[in-house]
């Protein structure tokens, strides 16, 4: 799954039989990404553009993707 480079907000991905991956493809200056592993099969975090709104931008969106049998990769 790929989120647009303009996306700001939280994300969570998870799977049972594989290791979830988050790939940060757009590392422009001012783009902030926080990633945290949750157990063996989960990853959560936030992505936002630094600016006037500060950390409030982390709350703008919410994406959650879960699967049981397939690998999951989130591209930011």
N, C-alpha and C. Protein backbone atom coordinates (compact mmCIF):
# COMPACT_ATOMS: atom_id res chain seq x y z
N UNK A 1 0.85 -1.16 0.00
CA UNK A 1 0.00 0.00 0.00
C UNK A 1 0.89 1.23 0.00
N UNK A 2 0.50 2.23 -0.74
CA UNK A 2 1.27 3.48 -0.83
C UNK A 2 0.34 4.65 -0.45
N UNK A 3 0.83 5.48 0.46
CA UNK A 3 0.12 6.71 0.80
C UNK A 3 0.76 7.86 0.03
N UNK A 4 -0.03 8.85 -0.37
CA UNK A 4 0.55 9.99 -1.08
C UNK A 4 1.53 10.75 -0.20
N UNK A 5 2.49 11.41 -0.80
CA UNK A 5 3.50 12.14 -0.04
C UNK A 5 2.90 13.30 0.76
N UNK A 6 1.68 13.69 0.44
CA UNK A 6 1.02 14.77 1.16
C UNK A 6 0.26 14.29 2.39
N UNK A 7 0.18 12.96 2.58
CA UNK A 7 -0.57 12.40 3.71
C UNK A 7 0.06 12.84 5.02
N UNK A 8 -0.80 13.23 5.97
CA UNK A 8 -0.38 13.53 7.33
C UNK A 8 -1.33 12.81 8.28
N UNK A 9 -0.78 12.10 9.24
CA UNK A 9 -1.62 11.44 10.22
C UNK A 9 -0.99 10.16 10.74
N UNK A 10 -1.83 9.38 11.41
CA UNK A 10 -1.38 8.13 12.01
C UNK A 10 -1.54 6.99 11.03
N UNK A 11 -0.77 5.92 11.27
CA UNK A 11 -0.93 4.69 10.50
C UNK A 11 -0.64 3.50 11.40
N UNK A 12 -1.24 2.37 11.05
CA UNK A 12 -0.99 1.11 11.75
C UNK A 12 -1.12 0.00 10.72
N UNK A 13 -0.15 -0.92 10.71
CA UNK A 13 -0.23 -2.07 9.82
C UNK A 13 0.08 -3.31 10.64
N UNK A 14 -0.49 -4.43 10.23
CA UNK A 14 -0.24 -5.66 10.96
C UNK A 14 -0.52 -6.88 10.13
N UNK A 15 0.14 -7.97 10.48
CA UNK A 15 -0.06 -9.26 9.84
C UNK A 15 0.38 -10.34 10.82
N UNK A 16 -0.07 -11.54 10.59
CA UNK A 16 0.23 -12.64 11.51
C UNK A 16 1.43 -13.47 11.04
N UNK A 17 1.49 -13.79 9.75
CA UNK A 17 2.48 -14.74 9.27
C UNK A 17 3.71 -14.11 8.61
N UNK A 18 3.86 -12.81 8.68
CA UNK A 18 5.01 -12.15 8.05
C UNK A 18 5.40 -10.94 8.87
N UNK A 19 6.53 -10.36 8.54
CA UNK A 19 7.00 -9.16 9.22
C UNK A 19 6.51 -7.93 8.45
N UNK A 20 5.74 -7.05 9.07
CA UNK A 20 5.28 -5.85 8.37
C UNK A 20 6.44 -4.89 8.14
N UNK A 21 6.37 -4.15 7.04
CA UNK A 21 7.44 -3.21 6.69
C UNK A 21 6.86 -1.83 6.40
N UNK A 22 7.57 -0.80 6.82
CA UNK A 22 7.26 0.57 6.45
C UNK A 22 8.47 1.11 5.70
N UNK A 23 8.25 1.53 4.47
CA UNK A 23 9.32 2.09 3.64
C UNK A 23 9.08 3.58 3.46
N UNK A 24 10.04 4.38 3.88
CA UNK A 24 9.94 5.83 3.73
C UNK A 24 10.65 6.19 2.44
N UNK A 25 9.86 6.51 1.41
CA UNK A 25 10.42 6.77 0.08
C UNK A 25 10.68 8.24 -0.17
N UNK A 26 9.99 9.12 0.54
CA UNK A 26 10.11 10.56 0.32
C UNK A 26 10.64 11.19 1.59
N UNK A 27 11.93 11.36 1.69
CA UNK A 27 12.55 11.90 2.90
C UNK A 27 12.94 13.36 2.70
N UNK A 28 12.03 14.15 2.17
CA UNK A 28 12.29 15.57 1.97
C UNK A 28 12.47 16.28 3.30
N UNK A 29 13.21 17.37 3.27
CA UNK A 29 13.40 18.17 4.47
C UNK A 29 12.04 18.70 4.93
N UNK A 30 11.78 18.59 6.21
CA UNK A 30 10.52 19.05 6.76
C UNK A 30 9.49 17.95 6.92
N UNK A 31 9.72 16.78 6.34
CA UNK A 31 8.80 15.66 6.50
C UNK A 31 9.28 14.81 7.67
N UNK A 32 8.40 14.60 8.63
CA UNK A 32 8.74 13.87 9.84
C UNK A 32 8.00 12.53 9.87
N UNK A 33 8.69 11.49 10.30
CA UNK A 33 8.11 10.15 10.40
C UNK A 33 8.52 9.54 11.72
N UNK A 34 7.55 9.03 12.46
CA UNK A 34 7.80 8.26 13.68
C UNK A 34 7.28 6.86 13.45
N UNK A 35 8.08 5.85 13.77
CA UNK A 35 7.69 4.45 13.57
C UNK A 35 7.98 3.68 14.85
N UNK A 36 7.02 2.83 15.25
CA UNK A 36 7.17 2.02 16.45
C UNK A 36 6.69 0.60 16.17
N UNK A 37 7.51 -0.38 16.48
CA UNK A 37 7.11 -1.78 16.35
C UNK A 37 6.18 -2.12 17.50
N UNK A 38 5.12 -2.87 17.19
CA UNK A 38 4.16 -3.30 18.19
C UNK A 38 4.10 -4.82 18.13
N UNK A 39 4.76 -5.45 19.07
CA UNK A 39 4.80 -6.91 19.05
C UNK A 39 5.57 -7.41 17.85
N UNK A 40 5.32 -8.67 17.49
CA UNK A 40 6.02 -9.28 16.37
C UNK A 40 5.41 -8.93 15.02
N UNK A 41 4.11 -8.68 15.00
CA UNK A 41 3.46 -8.51 13.71
C UNK A 41 2.81 -7.17 13.48
N UNK A 42 3.24 -6.13 14.18
CA UNK A 42 2.60 -4.84 14.00
C UNK A 42 3.58 -3.68 13.97
N UNK A 43 3.17 -2.63 13.30
CA UNK A 43 3.92 -1.37 13.24
C UNK A 43 2.89 -0.25 13.30
N UNK A 44 3.20 0.78 14.08
CA UNK A 44 2.34 1.96 14.09
C UNK A 44 3.23 3.20 14.08
N UNK A 45 2.63 4.32 13.74
CA UNK A 45 3.41 5.54 13.71
C UNK A 45 2.61 6.72 13.19
N UNK A 46 3.34 7.77 12.91
CA UNK A 46 2.75 9.00 12.39
C UNK A 46 3.68 9.60 11.35
N UNK A 47 3.09 10.34 10.42
CA UNK A 47 3.86 11.06 9.41
C UNK A 47 3.23 12.43 9.26
N UNK A 48 4.07 13.47 9.14
CA UNK A 48 3.55 14.81 9.00
C UNK A 48 4.61 15.72 8.40
N UNK A 49 4.13 16.83 7.88
CA UNK A 49 5.02 17.86 7.36
C UNK A 49 5.17 18.92 8.43
N UNK A 50 6.40 19.26 8.75
CA UNK A 50 6.67 20.29 9.74
C UNK A 50 6.19 21.63 9.21
N UNK A 51 5.53 22.38 10.05
CA UNK A 51 5.04 23.68 9.62
C UNK A 51 4.31 24.39 10.73
N UNK A 52 3.37 25.23 10.37
CA UNK A 52 2.66 26.06 11.34
C UNK A 52 1.84 25.23 12.34
N UNK A 53 1.32 24.08 11.91
CA UNK A 53 0.47 23.27 12.79
C UNK A 53 1.25 22.42 13.77
N UNK A 54 2.55 22.27 13.58
CA UNK A 54 3.37 21.46 14.47
C UNK A 54 2.88 20.04 14.60
N UNK A 55 2.87 19.52 15.81
CA UNK A 55 2.47 18.13 16.04
C UNK A 55 0.99 17.88 15.79
N UNK A 56 0.17 18.90 15.68
CA UNK A 56 -1.25 18.71 15.41
C UNK A 56 -1.48 18.00 14.08
N UNK A 57 -0.55 18.10 13.16
CA UNK A 57 -0.68 17.45 11.85
C UNK A 57 -0.67 15.93 11.97
N UNK A 58 -0.13 15.40 13.07
CA UNK A 58 -0.11 13.95 13.29
C UNK A 58 -1.52 13.38 13.41
N UNK A 59 -2.48 14.22 13.73
CA UNK A 59 -3.84 13.77 14.00
C UNK A 59 -4.78 13.94 12.81
N UNK A 60 -4.28 14.36 11.68
CA UNK A 60 -5.16 14.67 10.54
C UNK A 60 -5.77 13.45 9.87
N UNK A 61 -5.05 12.37 9.82
CA UNK A 61 -5.56 11.18 9.14
C UNK A 61 -5.35 9.95 10.01
N UNK A 62 -5.98 8.85 9.60
CA UNK A 62 -5.85 7.60 10.33
C UNK A 62 -6.02 6.45 9.34
N UNK A 63 -4.95 5.67 9.14
CA UNK A 63 -4.96 4.55 8.21
C UNK A 63 -4.60 3.29 8.97
N UNK A 64 -5.39 2.23 8.78
CA UNK A 64 -5.09 0.95 9.41
C UNK A 64 -5.27 -0.16 8.38
N UNK A 65 -4.23 -1.00 8.25
CA UNK A 65 -4.27 -2.13 7.31
C UNK A 65 -3.85 -3.37 8.08
N UNK A 66 -4.70 -4.40 8.06
CA UNK A 66 -4.38 -5.66 8.72
C UNK A 66 -4.69 -6.81 7.78
N UNK A 67 -3.85 -7.84 7.87
CA UNK A 67 -4.05 -9.04 7.08
C UNK A 67 -3.63 -10.23 7.93
N UNK A 68 -4.11 -11.39 7.60
CA UNK A 68 -3.75 -12.57 8.37
C UNK A 68 -2.66 -13.40 7.70
N UNK A 69 -2.79 -13.63 6.42
CA UNK A 69 -1.92 -14.59 5.75
C UNK A 69 -0.90 -13.96 4.78
N UNK A 70 -1.01 -12.70 4.53
CA UNK A 70 -0.14 -12.07 3.53
C UNK A 70 0.81 -11.08 4.19
N UNK A 71 1.95 -10.85 3.55
CA UNK A 71 2.83 -9.78 4.04
C UNK A 71 2.19 -8.42 3.78
N UNK A 72 2.57 -7.42 4.57
CA UNK A 72 2.03 -6.07 4.37
C UNK A 72 3.19 -5.09 4.39
N UNK A 73 3.19 -4.20 3.40
CA UNK A 73 4.21 -3.15 3.29
C UNK A 73 3.49 -1.83 3.07
N UNK A 74 3.87 -0.82 3.86
CA UNK A 74 3.33 0.52 3.72
C UNK A 74 4.45 1.41 3.17
N UNK A 75 4.17 2.09 2.07
CA UNK A 75 5.13 3.01 1.48
C UNK A 75 4.67 4.44 1.74
N UNK A 76 5.55 5.19 2.35
CA UNK A 76 5.23 6.59 2.68
C UNK A 76 6.00 7.51 1.76
